[in-house]
Amino acid sequence: MQIVIEFYRTRDRDDAHAVVGRETAEVADLDDALEVARLLSQSLDMPQRPDALMIADEDGAVLYAGAFEVDTHAQTRRR
């Protein structure tokens, strides 16, 4: 099936979404789509690090939407 994966940033105060990356892919099923999204999140050159993603089918129906887990320990070390 053909899918679209969107990576985006969200703003807490009003839940606004800003797309920072978008890719299409051909996958066998949702598990395959999630694996492709995971790989792309690590390799895609995006202007900002995304904090969430959405996977939709070719008709625009959302198959999956979720936020990335935040590694608070790593964030603390960077400061």
Protein backbone atom coordinates (compact mmCIF):
# COMPACT_ATOMS: atom_id res chain seq x y z
CA MET A 1 0.00 0.00 0.00
CA GLN A 2 1.10 3.57 -0.67
CA ILE A 3 1.52 5.73 2.45
CA VAL A 4 2.50 9.27 3.39
CA ILE A 5 4.58 9.86 6.51
CA GLU A 6 4.61 13.37 7.97
CA PHE A 7 7.01 14.40 10.70
CA TYR A 8 6.03 17.51 12.62
CA ARG A 9 6.64 19.75 15.59
CA THR A 10 3.80 20.66 17.92
CA ARG A 11 3.24 23.73 20.06
CA ASP A 12 1.84 22.91 23.49
CA ARG A 13 -0.21 26.06 24.09
CA ASP A 14 -2.52 25.59 21.07
CA ASP A 15 -1.54 22.17 19.61
CA ALA A 16 -0.40 23.79 16.34
CA HIS A 17 1.48 21.47 13.95
CA ALA A 18 4.38 22.46 11.70
CA VAL A 19 5.42 19.80 9.17
CA VAL A 20 9.22 19.44 9.07
CA GLY A 21 9.38 16.40 6.79
CA ARG A 22 7.15 14.41 4.46
CA GLU A 23 7.87 11.20 2.57
CA THR A 24 5.87 8.66 0.59
CA ALA A 25 6.61 4.94 0.62
CA GLU A 26 5.24 1.62 -0.56
CA VAL A 27 4.73 -0.78 2.38
CA ALA A 28 3.10 -4.14 3.02
CA ASP A 29 1.21 -3.23 6.21
CA LEU A 30 1.12 -0.87 9.19
CA ASP A 31 3.99 -2.63 10.96
CA ASP A 32 6.13 -2.10 7.86
CA ALA A 33 5.03 1.56 7.73
CA LEU A 34 6.07 2.08 11.36
CA GLU A 35 9.49 0.58 10.64
CA VAL A 36 9.96 2.84 7.61
CA ALA A 37 8.93 5.85 9.71
CA ARG A 38 11.39 4.88 12.45
CA LEU A 39 14.24 4.61 9.95
CA LEU A 40 13.32 7.89 8.27
CA SER A 41 13.15 9.70 11.62
CA GLN A 42 16.84 8.86 12.09
CA SER A 43 18.07 9.48 8.54
CA LEU A 44 15.89 12.18 6.95
CA ASP A 45 17.47 15.64 6.77
CA MET A 46 14.87 17.87 8.46
CA PRO A 47 15.21 21.52 9.54
CA GLN A 48 14.17 20.63 13.10
CA ARG A 49 13.92 17.43 15.09
CA PRO A 50 10.29 16.25 14.91
CA ASP A 51 8.39 15.47 18.08
CA ALA A 52 5.51 13.58 16.42
CA LEU A 53 4.51 11.78 13.24
CA MET A 54 1.45 10.80 11.24
CA ILE A 55 1.05 7.97 8.74
CA ALA A 56 -1.81 8.18 6.22
CA ASP A 57 -2.88 5.98 3.33
CA GLU A 58 -3.11 7.22 -0.26
CA ASP A 59 -6.69 8.44 0.37
CA GLY A 60 -5.63 10.56 3.33
CA ALA A 61 -7.07 8.31 6.05
CA VAL A 62 -4.85 8.45 9.14
CA LEU A 63 -3.48 5.00 9.96
CA TYR A 64 -1.27 6.07 12.85
CA ALA A 65 -0.43 9.25 14.74
CA GLY A 66 1.81 9.59 17.75
CA ALA A 67 4.51 11.51 19.56
CA PHE A 68 8.13 10.48 19.91
CA GLU A 69 9.29 9.67 23.42
CA VAL A 70 11.48 12.37 24.93
CA ASP A 71 14.76 11.29 26.47
CA THR A 72 14.85 13.72 29.41
CA HIS A 73 18.21 12.38 30.61
CA ALA A 74 19.84 13.20 27.24
CA GLN A 75 18.21 16.64 27.22
CA THR A 76 19.54 17.38 30.69
CA ARG A 77 23.08 16.44 29.67
CA ARG A 78 22.99 18.75 26.63
CA ARG A 79 22.21 21.85 28.71
